[in-house]
Amino acid sequence: MTHKIDGGLPPSRPADLATTGPAQRAGEDRTKPVTAPTAADTMRLTGEAAGLQALQRELGSAPAGLDVARVNEIRAAIADGNYRVDPQQIATRMLDLENALTQ
């Protein structure tokens, strides 16, 4: 099977030059400094983004609900080599999380 391509590439166009302000005419006074255009970009957060931002601040400020004693216990067990991973429990909790997120 062959494919024939007729013609060449389309003729290239010169890039359009963007101007940031009114063009100066020949003979006008060019001693004044050129001013930059004012910024027109704005940003507005959606309600969901604002909620996520608030949640991030809340979680980052204090370890609320964190059982420091349990964390230290697990760290010690890992350091001693006594910590055992239960893959069935991990899988069950992952599925529970997946079900909670899809509801």
PDB file of N, CA and C in Angstrom:
ATOM      1  N   MET A   1       0.853  -1.163   0.000  1.00  0.00           N
ATOM      2  CA  MET A   1       0.000   0.000   0.000  1.00  0.00           C
ATOM      3  C   MET A   1       0.902   1.230   0.000  1.00  0.00           C
ATOM      4  N   THR A   2       0.605   2.144  -0.880  1.00  0.00           N
ATOM      5  CA  THR A   2       1.398   3.372  -0.948  1.00  0.00           C
ATOM      6  C   THR A   2       0.484   4.567  -0.771  1.00  0.00           C
ATOM      7  N   HIS A   3       1.065   5.616  -0.257  1.00  0.00           N
ATOM      8  CA  HIS A   3       0.334   6.874  -0.084  1.00  0.00           C
ATOM      9  C   HIS A   3       1.095   7.937  -0.841  1.00  0.00           C
ATOM     10  N   LYS A   4       0.375   8.693  -1.640  1.00  0.00           N
ATOM     11  CA  LYS A   4       1.007   9.752  -2.411  1.00  0.00           C
ATOM     12  C   LYS A   4       0.612  11.091  -1.805  1.00  0.00           C
ATOM     13  N   ILE A   5       1.599  11.913  -1.616  1.00  0.00           N
ATOM     14  CA  ILE A   5       1.359  13.255  -1.080  1.00  0.00           C
ATOM     15  C   ILE A   5       1.602  14.242  -2.200  1.00  0.00           C
ATOM     16  N   ASP A   6       0.565  14.973  -2.571  1.00  0.00           N
ATOM     17  CA  ASP A   6       0.697  15.965  -3.629  1.00  0.00           C
ATOM     18  C   ASP A   6       1.014  17.321  -3.032  1.00  0.00           C
ATOM     19  N   GLY A   7       1.848  18.062  -3.734  1.00  0.00           N
ATOM     20  CA  GLY A   7       2.150  19.426  -3.305  1.00  0.00           C
ATOM     21  C   GLY A   7       3.201  19.436  -2.221  1.00  0.00           C
ATOM     22  N   GLY A   8       3.562  20.618  -1.840  1.00  0.00           N
ATOM     23  CA  GLY A   8       4.580  20.777  -0.803  1.00  0.00           C
ATOM     24  C   GLY A   8       3.974  21.381   0.439  1.00  0.00           C
ATOM     25  N   LEU A   9       4.806  21.907   1.231  1.00  0.00           N
ATOM     26  CA  LEU A   9       4.354  22.573   2.441  1.00  0.00           C
ATOM     27  C   LEU A   9       3.677  23.887   2.091  1.00  0.00           C
ATOM     28  N   PRO A  10       2.714  24.325   2.886  1.00  0.00           N
ATOM     29  CA  PRO A  10       2.081  25.618   2.607  1.00  0.00           C
ATOM     30  C   PRO A  10       3.113  26.730   2.756  1.00  0.00           C
ATOM     31  N   PRO A  11       2.959  27.809   2.008  1.00  0.00           N
ATOM     32  CA  PRO A  11       3.930  28.899   2.113  1.00  0.00           C
ATOM     33  C   PRO A  11       3.909  29.480   3.527  1.00  0.00           C
ATOM     34  N   SER A  12       5.091  29.762   4.044  1.00  0.00           N
ATOM     35  CA  SER A  12       5.170  30.289   5.403  1.00  0.00           C
ATOM     36  C   SER A  12       4.857  31.774   5.403  1.00  0.00           C
ATOM     37  N   ARG A  13       4.168  32.211   6.470  1.00  0.00           N
ATOM     38  CA  ARG A  13       3.837  33.624   6.627  1.00  0.00           C
ATOM     39  C   ARG A  13       4.782  34.232   7.621  1.00  0.00           C
ATOM     40  N   PRO A  14       5.143  35.481   7.418  1.00  0.00           N
ATOM     41  CA  PRO A  14       5.980  36.124   8.445  1.00  0.00           C
ATOM     42  C   PRO A  14       5.173  36.298   9.721  1.00  0.00           C
ATOM     43  N   ALA A  15       5.836  36.176  10.841  1.00  0.00           N
ATOM     44  CA  ALA A  15       5.157  36.309  12.133  1.00  0.00           C
ATOM     45  C   ALA A  15       4.620  37.721  12.289  1.00  0.00           C
ATOM     46  N   ASP A  16       3.410  37.788  12.811  1.00  0.00           N
ATOM     47  CA  ASP A  16       2.818  39.105  13.062  1.00  0.00           C
ATOM     48  C   ASP A  16       3.549  39.745  14.241  1.00  0.00           C
ATOM     49  N   LEU A  17       3.876  40.996  14.096  1.00  0.00           N
ATOM     50  CA  LEU A  17       4.562  41.705  15.172  1.00  0.00           C
ATOM     51  C   LEU A  17       3.529  42.299  16.103  1.00  0.00           C
ATOM     52  N   ALA A  18       3.614  41.926  17.357  1.00  0.00           N
ATOM     53  CA  ALA A  18       2.674  42.447  18.346  1.00  0.00           C
ATOM     54  C   ALA A  18       3.185  43.770  18.874  1.00  0.00           C
ATOM     55  N   THR A  19       2.298  44.727  18.992  1.00  0.00           N
ATOM     56  CA  THR A  19       2.682  46.023  19.550  1.00  0.00           C
ATOM     57  C   THR A  19       2.078  46.138  20.927  1.00  0.00           C
ATOM     58  N   THR A  20       2.797  46.752  21.828  1.00  0.00           N
ATOM     59  CA  THR A  20       2.304  46.885  23.193  1.00  0.00           C
ATOM     60  C   THR A  20       1.639  48.226  23.432  1.00  0.00           C
ATOM     61  N   GLY A  21       1.678  49.078  22.520  1.00  0.00           N
ATOM     62  CA  GLY A  21       1.080  50.391  22.692  1.00  0.00           C
ATOM     63  C   GLY A  21       0.898  51.049  21.334  1.00  0.00           C
ATOM     64  N   PRO A  22       0.450  52.282  21.326  1.00  0.00           N
ATOM     65  CA  PRO A  22       0.264  52.954  20.041  1.00  0.00           C
ATOM     66  C   PRO A  22       1.621  53.182  19.362  1.00  0.00           C
ATOM     67  N   ALA A  23       1.640  52.978  18.063  1.00  0.00           N
ATOM     68  CA  ALA A  23       2.877  53.163  17.309  1.00  0.00           C
ATOM     69  C   ALA A  23       3.192  54.652  17.174  1.00  0.00           C
ATOM     70  N   GLN A  24       4.472  54.954  17.256  1.00  0.00           N
ATOM     71  CA  GLN A  24       4.873  56.347  17.087  1.00  0.00           C
ATOM     72  C   GLN A  24       5.027  56.629  15.597  1.00  0.00           C
ATOM     73  N   ARG A  25       4.646  57.782  15.223  1.00  0.00           N
ATOM     74  CA  ARG A  25       4.763  58.182  13.822  1.00  0.00           C
ATOM     75  C   ARG A  25       6.124  58.831  13.599  1.00  0.00           C
ATOM     76  N   ALA A  26       6.537  58.807  12.383  1.00  0.00           N
ATOM     77  CA  ALA A  26       7.818  59.416  12.039  1.00  0.00           C
ATOM     78  C   ALA A  26       7.776  60.903  12.360  1.00  0.00           C
ATOM     79  N   GLY A  27       8.836  61.416  12.952  1.00  0.00           N
ATOM     80  CA  GLY A  27       8.917  62.827  13.261  1.00  0.00           C
ATOM     81  C   GLY A  27       8.390  63.198  14.632  1.00  0.00           C
ATOM     82  N   GLU A  28       7.776  62.235  15.363  1.00  0.00           N
ATOM     83  CA  GLU A  28       7.264  62.528  16.705  1.00  0.00           C
ATOM     84  C   GLU A  28       8.418  62.595  17.698  1.00  0.00           C
ATOM     85  N   ASP A  29       8.170  63.230  18.826  1.00  0.00           N
ATOM     86  CA  ASP A  29       9.171  63.368  19.871  1.00  0.00           C
ATOM     87  C   ASP A  29       9.438  62.001  20.506  1.00  0.00           C
ATOM     88  N   ARG A  30      10.677  61.550  20.440  1.00  0.00           N
ATOM     89  CA  ARG A  30      11.045  60.238  20.986  1.00  0.00           C
ATOM     90  C   ARG A  30      11.934  60.377  22.217  1.00  0.00           C
ATOM     91  N   THR A  31      11.913  61.515  22.851  1.00  0.00           N
ATOM     92  CA  THR A  31      12.732  61.706  24.043  1.00  0.00           C
ATOM     93  C   THR A  31      12.036  61.233  25.310  1.00  0.00           C
ATOM     94  N   LYS A  32      10.721  61.058  25.273  1.00  0.00           N
ATOM     95  CA  LYS A  32       9.977  60.583  26.438  1.00  0.00           C
ATOM     96  C   LYS A  32      10.246  59.091  26.636  1.00  0.00           C
ATOM     97  N   PRO A  33      10.317  58.643  27.892  1.00  0.00           N
ATOM     98  CA  PRO A  33      10.520  57.206  28.125  1.00  0.00           C
ATOM     99  C   PRO A  33       9.280  56.420  27.711  1.00  0.00           C
ATOM    100  N   VAL A  34       9.514  55.213  27.283  1.00  0.00           N
ATOM    101  CA  VAL A  34       8.416  54.334  26.893  1.00  0.00           C
ATOM    102  C   VAL A  34       7.855  53.703  28.162  1.00  0.00           C
ATOM    103  N   THR A  35       6.542  53.721  28.309  1.00  0.00           N
ATOM    104  CA  THR A  35       5.915  53.145  29.495  1.00  0.00           C
ATOM    105  C   THR A  35       5.389  51.756  29.165  1.00  0.00           C
ATOM    106  N   ALA A  36       5.479  50.889  30.130  1.00  0.00           N
ATOM    107  CA  ALA A  36       4.975  49.528  29.960  1.00  0.00           C
ATOM    108  C   ALA A  36       3.463  49.527  30.119  1.00  0.00           C
ATOM    109  N   PRO A  37       2.789  48.647  29.420  1.00  0.00           N
ATOM    110  CA  PRO A  37       1.338  48.559  29.573  1.00  0.00           C
ATOM    111  C   PRO A  37       0.996  48.014  30.954  1.00  0.00           C
ATOM    112  N   THR A  38      -0.170  48.362  31.452  1.00  0.00           N
ATOM    113  CA  THR A  38      -0.590  47.881  32.765  1.00  0.00           C
ATOM    114  C   THR A  38      -0.939  46.405  32.684  1.00  0.00           C
ATOM    115  N   ALA A  39      -0.693  45.691  33.757  1.00  0.00           N
ATOM    116  CA  ALA A  39      -0.987  44.259  33.796  1.00  0.00           C
ATOM    117  C   ALA A  39      -2.492  44.046  33.831  1.00  0.00           C
ATOM    118  N   ALA A  40      -2.960  43.121  33.002  1.00  0.00           N
ATOM    119  CA  ALA A  40      -4.388  42.860  32.932  1.00  0.00           C
ATOM    120  C   ALA A  40      -4.733  41.471  33.434  1.00  0.00           C
ATOM    121  N   ASP A  41      -3.727  40.718  33.884  1.00  0.00           N
ATOM    122  CA  ASP A  41      -3.992  39.376  34.369  1.00  0.00           C
ATOM    123  C   ASP A  41      -4.603  39.427  35.752  1.00  0.00           C
ATOM    124  N   THR A  42      -5.617  38.605  35.952  1.00  0.00           N
ATOM    125  CA  THR A  42      -6.240  38.500  37.262  1.00  0.00           C
ATOM    126  C   THR A  42      -6.427  37.024  37.583  1.00  0.00           C
ATOM    127  N   MET A  43      -6.612  36.727  38.849  1.00  0.00           N
ATOM    128  CA  MET A  43      -6.832  35.359  39.274  1.00  0.00           C
ATOM    129  C   MET A  43      -7.953  35.353  40.298  1.00  0.00           C
ATOM    130  N   ARG A  44      -8.862  34.410  40.121  1.00  0.00           N
ATOM    131  CA  ARG A  44      -9.959  34.255  41.065  1.00  0.00           C
ATOM    132  C   ARG A  44     -10.053  32.788  41.428  1.00  0.00           C
ATOM    133  N   LEU A  45     -10.032  32.485  42.714  1.00  0.00           N
ATOM    134  CA  LEU A  45     -10.123  31.112  43.157  1.00  0.00           C
ATOM    135  C   LEU A  45     -11.575  30.662  43.188  1.00  0.00           C
ATOM    136  N   THR A  46     -11.801  29.421  42.793  1.00  0.00           N
ATOM    137  CA  THR A  46     -13.144  28.864  42.913  1.00  0.00           C
ATOM    138  C   THR A  46     -13.383  28.511  44.365  1.00  0.00           C
ATOM    139  N   GLY A  47     -14.597  28.220  44.696  1.00  0.00           N
ATOM    140  CA  GLY A  47     -14.919  27.836  46.069  1.00  0.00           C
ATOM    141  C   GLY A  47     -14.176  26.590  46.488  1.00  0.00           C
ATOM    142  N   GLU A  48     -14.026  25.649  45.561  1.00  0.00           N
ATOM    143  CA  GLU A  48     -13.305  24.413  45.871  1.00  0.00           C
ATOM    144  C   GLU A  48     -11.834  24.692  46.134  1.00  0.00           C
ATOM    145  N   ALA A  49     -11.222  25.555  45.331  1.00  0.00           N
ATOM    146  CA  ALA A  49      -9.806  25.889  45.526  1.00  0.00           C
ATOM    147  C   ALA A  49      -9.604  26.630  46.838  1.00  0.00           C
ATOM    148  N   ALA A  50     -10.520  27.525  47.175  1.00  0.00           N
ATOM    149  CA  ALA A  50     -10.408  28.244  48.441  1.00  0.00           C
ATOM    150  C   ALA A  50     -10.548  27.279  49.616  1.00  0.00           C
ATOM    151  N   GLY A  51     -11.437  26.304  49.488  1.00  0.00           N
ATOM    152  CA  GLY A  51     -11.606  25.296  50.535  1.00  0.00           C
ATOM    153  C   GLY A  51     -10.358  24.443  50.701  1.00  0.00           C
ATOM    154  N   LEU A  52      -9.741  24.065  49.578  1.00  0.00           N
ATOM    155  CA  LEU A  52      -8.505  23.287  49.639  1.00  0.00           C
ATOM    156  C   LEU A  52      -7.375  24.091  50.266  1.00  0.00           C
ATOM    157  N   GLN A  53      -7.342  25.376  49.968  1.00  0.00           N
ATOM    158  CA  GLN A  53      -6.324  26.245  50.559  1.00  0.00           C
ATOM    159  C   GLN A  53      -6.517  26.334  52.079  1.00  0.00           C
ATOM    160  N   ALA A  54      -7.751  26.461  52.515  1.00  0.00           N
ATOM    161  CA  ALA A  54      -8.034  26.524  53.946  1.00  0.00           C
ATOM    162  C   ALA A  54      -7.676  25.207  54.625  1.00  0.00           C
ATOM    163  N   LEU A  55      -7.968  24.083  53.962  1.00  0.00           N
ATOM    164  CA  LEU A  55      -7.635  22.772  54.504  1.00  0.00           C
ATOM    165  C   LEU A  55      -6.125  22.600  54.620  1.00  0.00           C
ATOM    166  N   GLN A  56      -5.401  23.082  53.622  1.00  0.00           N
ATOM    167  CA  GLN A  56      -3.940  23.006  53.650  1.00  0.00           C
ATOM    168  C   GLN A  56      -3.377  23.810  54.825  1.00  0.00           C
ATOM    169  N   ARG A  57      -3.922  25.005  55.043  1.00  0.00           N
ATOM    170  CA  ARG A  57      -3.469  25.817  56.173  1.00  0.00           C
ATOM    171  C   ARG A  57      -3.761  25.119  57.498  1.00  0.00           C
ATOM    172  N   GLU A  58      -4.955  24.522  57.595  1.00  0.00           N
ATOM    173  CA  GLU A  58      -5.354  23.850  58.823  1.00  0.00           C
ATOM    174  C   GLU A  58      -4.465  22.634  59.101  1.00  0.00           C
ATOM    175  N   LEU A  59      -4.198  21.847  58.085  1.00  0.00           N
ATOM    176  CA  LEU A  59      -3.375  20.655  58.275  1.00  0.00           C
ATOM    177  C   LEU A  59      -1.912  21.007  58.516  1.00  0.00           C
ATOM    178  N   GLY A  60      -1.465  22.102  57.943  1.00  0.00           N
ATOM    179  CA  GLY A  60      -0.079  22.495  58.111  1.00  0.00           C
ATOM    180  C   GLY A  60       0.209  23.179  59.428  1.00  0.00           C
ATOM    181  N   SER A  61      -0.812  23.709  60.070  1.00  0.00           N
ATOM    182  CA  SER A  61      -0.576  24.485  61.286  1.00  0.00           C
ATOM    183  C   SER A  61      -0.369  23.612  62.519  1.00  0.00           C
ATOM    184  N   ALA A  62      -1.145  22.570  62.679  1.00  0.00           N
ATOM    185  CA  ALA A  62      -1.036  21.755  63.889  1.00  0.00           C
ATOM    186  C   ALA A  62      -1.342  20.296  63.549  1.00  0.00           C
ATOM    187  N   PRO A  63      -0.654  19.379  64.187  1.00  0.00           N
ATOM    188  CA  PRO A  63      -0.923  17.966  63.934  1.00  0.00           C
ATOM    189  C   PRO A  63      -2.143  17.483  64.726  1.00  0.00           C
ATOM    190  N   ALA A  64      -3.306  18.005  64.420  1.00  0.00           N
ATOM    191  CA  ALA A  64      -4.529  17.631  65.124  1.00  0.00           C
ATOM    192  C   ALA A  64      -4.879  16.185  64.798  1.00  0.00           C
ATOM    193  N   GLY A  65      -5.194  15.427  65.815  1.00  0.00           N
ATOM    194  CA  GLY A  65      -5.596  14.044  65.613  1.00  0.00           C
ATOM    195  C   GLY A  65      -4.425  13.108  65.373  1.00  0.00           C
ATOM    196  N   LEU A  66      -3.215  13.588  65.526  1.00  0.00           N
ATOM    197  CA  LEU A  66      -2.037  12.769  65.311  1.00  0.00           C
ATOM    198  C   LEU A  66      -1.614  12.153  66.637  1.00  0.00           C
ATOM    199  N   ASP A  67      -1.559  10.845  66.670  1.00  0.00           N
ATOM    200  CA  ASP A  67      -1.161  10.126  67.880  1.00  0.00           C
ATOM    201  C   ASP A  67       0.360  10.003  67.889  1.00  0.00           C
ATOM    202  N   VAL A  68       1.011  10.938  68.559  1.00  0.00           N
ATOM    203  CA  VAL A  68       2.469  11.010  68.559  1.00  0.00           C
ATOM    204  C   VAL A  68       3.062   9.760  69.198  1.00  0.00           C
ATOM    205  N   ALA A  69       2.429   9.234  70.235  1.00  0.00           N
ATOM    206  CA  ALA A  69       2.938   8.028  70.893  1.00  0.00           C
ATOM    207  C   ALA A  69       2.930   6.843  69.929  1.00  0.00           C
ATOM    208  N   ARG A  70       1.866   6.719  69.145  1.00  0.00           N
ATOM    209  CA  ARG A  70       1.769   5.619  68.170  1.00  0.00           C
ATOM    210  C   ARG A  70       2.819   5.780  67.067  1.00  0.00           C
ATOM    211  N   VAL A  71       3.029   7.001  66.624  1.00  0.00           N
ATOM    212  CA  VAL A  71       4.048   7.264  65.604  1.00  0.00           C
ATOM    213  C   VAL A  71       5.423   6.881  66.126  1.00  0.00           C
ATOM    214  N   ASN A  72       5.734   7.250  67.347  1.00  0.00           N
ATOM    215  CA  ASN A  72       7.026   6.900  67.944  1.00  0.00           C
ATOM    216  C   ASN A  72       7.174   5.390  68.118  1.00  0.00           C
ATOM    217  N   GLU A  73       6.078   4.717  68.472  1.00  0.00           N
ATOM    218  CA  GLU A  73       6.084   3.263  68.619  1.00  0.00           C
ATOM    219  C   GLU A  73       6.398   2.578  67.290  1.00  0.00           C
ATOM    220  N   ILE A  74       5.778   3.070  66.220  1.00  0.00           N
ATOM    221  CA  ILE A  74       6.012   2.495  64.887  1.00  0.00           C
ATOM    222  C   ILE A  74       7.437   2.794  64.421  1.00  0.00           C
ATOM    223  N   ARG A  75       7.917   3.998  64.690  1.00  0.00           N
ATOM    224  CA  ARG A  75       9.304   4.334  64.326  1.00  0.00           C
ATOM    225  C   ARG A  75      10.292   3.405  65.016  1.00  0.00           C
ATOM    226  N   ALA A  76      10.063   3.141  66.287  1.00  0.00           N
ATOM    227  CA  ALA A  76      10.949   2.250  67.034  1.00  0.00           C
ATOM    228  C   ALA A  76      10.895   0.830  66.476  1.00  0.00           C
ATOM    229  N   ALA A  77       9.697   0.349  66.121  1.00  0.00           N
ATOM    230  CA  ALA A  77       9.550  -0.993  65.567  1.00  0.00           C
ATOM    231  C   ALA A  77      10.255  -1.104  64.218  1.00  0.00           C
ATOM    232  N   ILE A  78      10.171  -0.063  63.407  1.00  0.00           N
ATOM    233  CA  ILE A  78      10.869  -0.055  62.114  1.00  0.00           C
ATOM    234  C   ILE A  78      12.376  -0.076  62.337  1.00  0.00           C
ATOM    235  N   ALA A  79      12.850   0.744  63.263  1.00  0.00           N
ATOM    236  CA  ALA A  79      14.286   0.814  63.550  1.00  0.00           C
ATOM    237  C   ALA A  79      14.807  -0.523  64.076  1.00  0.00           C
ATOM    238  N   ASP A  80      13.996  -1.233  64.886  1.00  0.00           N
ATOM    239  CA  ASP A  80      14.411  -2.521  65.440  1.00  0.00           C
ATOM    240  C   ASP A  80      14.256  -3.667  64.449  1.00  0.00           C
ATOM    241  N   GLY A  81      13.497  -3.434  63.373  1.00  0.00           N
ATOM    242  CA  GLY A  81      13.238  -4.498  62.399  1.00  0.00           C
ATOM    243  C   GLY A  81      12.090  -5.393  62.796  1.00  0.00           C
ATOM    244  N   ASN A  82      11.266  -4.948  63.742  1.00  0.00           N
ATOM    245  CA  ASN A  82      10.142  -5.749  64.223  1.00  0.00           C
ATOM    246  C   ASN A  82       8.807  -5.370  63.591  1.00  0.00           C
ATOM    247  N   TYR A  83       8.788  -4.358  62.741  1.00  0.00           N
ATOM    248  CA  TYR A  83       7.523  -3.896  62.162  1.00  0.00           C
ATOM    249  C   TYR A  83       7.118  -4.826  61.027  1.00  0.00           C
ATOM    250  N   ARG A  84       5.915  -5.330  61.088  1.00  0.00           N
ATOM    251  CA  ARG A  84       5.392  -6.245  60.071  1.00  0.00           C
ATOM    252  C   ARG A  84       4.296  -5.537  59.274  1.00  0.00           C
ATOM    253  N   VAL A  85       4.361  -5.713  57.977  1.00  0.00           N
ATOM    254  CA  VAL A  85       3.359  -5.124  57.083  1.00  0.00           C
ATOM    255  C   VAL A  85       2.330  -6.193  56.775  1.00  0.00           C
ATOM    256  N   ASP A  86       1.046  -5.840  56.939  1.00  0.00           N
ATOM    257  CA  ASP A  86      -0.047  -6.764  56.626  1.00  0.00           C
ATOM    258  C   ASP A  86      -0.666  -6.334  55.289  1.00  0.00           C
ATOM    259  N   PRO A  87      -0.293  -7.006  54.189  1.00  0.00           N
ATOM    260  CA  PRO A  87      -0.789  -6.587  52.875  1.00  0.00           C
ATOM    261  C   PRO A  87      -2.314  -6.677  52.744  1.00  0.00           C
ATOM    262  N   GLN A  88      -2.935  -7.635  53.432  1.00  0.00           N
ATOM    263  CA  GLN A  88      -4.398  -7.759  53.370  1.00  0.00           C
ATOM    264  C   GLN A  88      -5.073  -6.542  54.001  1.00  0.00           C
ATOM    265  N   GLN A  89      -4.534  -6.076  55.115  1.00  0.00           N
ATOM    266  CA  GLN A  89      -5.100  -4.900  55.781  1.00  0.00           C
ATOM    267  C   GLN A  89      -4.899  -3.648  54.915  1.00  0.00           C
ATOM    268  N   ILE A  90      -3.747  -3.525  54.281  1.00  0.00           N
ATOM    269  CA  ILE A  90      -3.487  -2.380  53.399  1.00  0.00           C
ATOM    270  C   ILE A  90      -4.465  -2.383  52.238  1.00  0.00           C
ATOM    271  N   ALA A  91      -4.656  -3.554  51.612  1.00  0.00           N
ATOM    272  CA  ALA A  91      -5.584  -3.657  50.481  1.00  0.00           C
ATOM    273  C   ALA A  91      -7.005  -3.323  50.894  1.00  0.00           C
ATOM    274  N   THR A  92      -7.419  -3.820  52.053  1.00  0.00           N
ATOM    275  CA  THR A  92      -8.776  -3.548  52.536  1.00  0.00           C
ATOM    276  C   THR A  92      -8.983  -2.054  52.775  1.00  0.00           C
ATOM    277  N   ARG A  93      -8.013  -1.415  53.387  1.00  0.00           N
ATOM    278  CA  ARG A  93      -8.147   0.021  53.655  1.00  0.00           C
ATOM    279  C   ARG A  93      -8.099   0.848  52.371  1.00  0.00           C
ATOM    280  N   MET A  94      -7.305   0.414  51.398  1.00  0.00           N
ATOM    281  CA  MET A  94      -7.277   1.124  50.108  1.00  0.00           C
ATOM    282  C   MET A  94      -8.625   1.028  49.408  1.00  0.00           C
ATOM    283  N   LEU A  95      -9.238  -0.155  49.444  1.00  0.00           N
ATOM    284  CA  LEU A  95     -10.558  -0.324  48.834  1.00  0.00           C
ATOM    285  C   LEU A  95     -11.613   0.492  49.573  1.00  0.00           C
ATOM    286  N   ASP A  96     -11.518   0.533  50.897  1.00  0.00           N
ATOM    287  CA  ASP A  96     -12.455   1.353  51.676  1.00  0.00           C
ATOM    288  C   ASP A  96     -12.332   2.830  51.302  1.00  0.00           C
ATOM    289  N   LEU A  97     -11.088   3.285  51.141  1.00  0.00           N
ATOM    290  CA  LEU A  97     -10.863   4.681  50.740  1.00  0.00           C
ATOM    291  C   LEU A  97     -11.417   4.932  49.344  1.00  0.00           C
ATOM    292  N   GLU A  98     -11.162   4.013  48.430  1.00  0.00           N
ATOM    293  CA  GLU A  98     -11.668   4.154  47.056  1.00  0.00           C
ATOM    294  C   GLU A  98     -13.189   4.226  47.049  1.00  0.00           C
ATOM    295  N   ASN A  99     -13.836   3.373  47.841  1.00  0.00           N
ATOM    296  CA  ASN A  99     -15.304   3.395  47.923  1.00  0.00           C
ATOM    297  C   ASN A  99     -15.806   4.699  48.525  1.00  0.00           C
ATOM    298  N   ALA A 100     -15.121   5.207  49.521  1.00  0.00           N
ATOM    299  CA  ALA A 100     -15.526   6.477  50.143  1.00  0.00           C
ATOM    300  C   ALA A 100     -15.375   7.647  49.166  1.00  0.00           C
ATOM    301  N   LEU A 101     -14.343   7.604  48.330  1.00  0.00           N
ATOM    302  CA  LEU A 101     -14.115   8.703  47.397  1.00  0.00           C
ATOM    303  C   LEU A 101     -15.083   8.677  46.215  1.00  0.00           C
ATOM    304  N   THR A 102     -15.574   7.511  45.833  1.00  0.00           N
ATOM    305  CA  THR A 102     -16.469   7.420  44.668  1.00  0.00           C
ATOM    306  C   THR A 102     -17.927   7.630  45.027  1.00  0.00           C
ATOM    307  N   GLN A 103     -18.249   7.709  46.307  1.00  0.00           N
ATOM    308  CA  GLN A 103     -19.661   7.893  46.695  1.00  0.00           C
ATOM    309  C   GLN A 103     -20.043   9.338  46.665  1.00  0.00           C
TER     310      GLN A 103
END
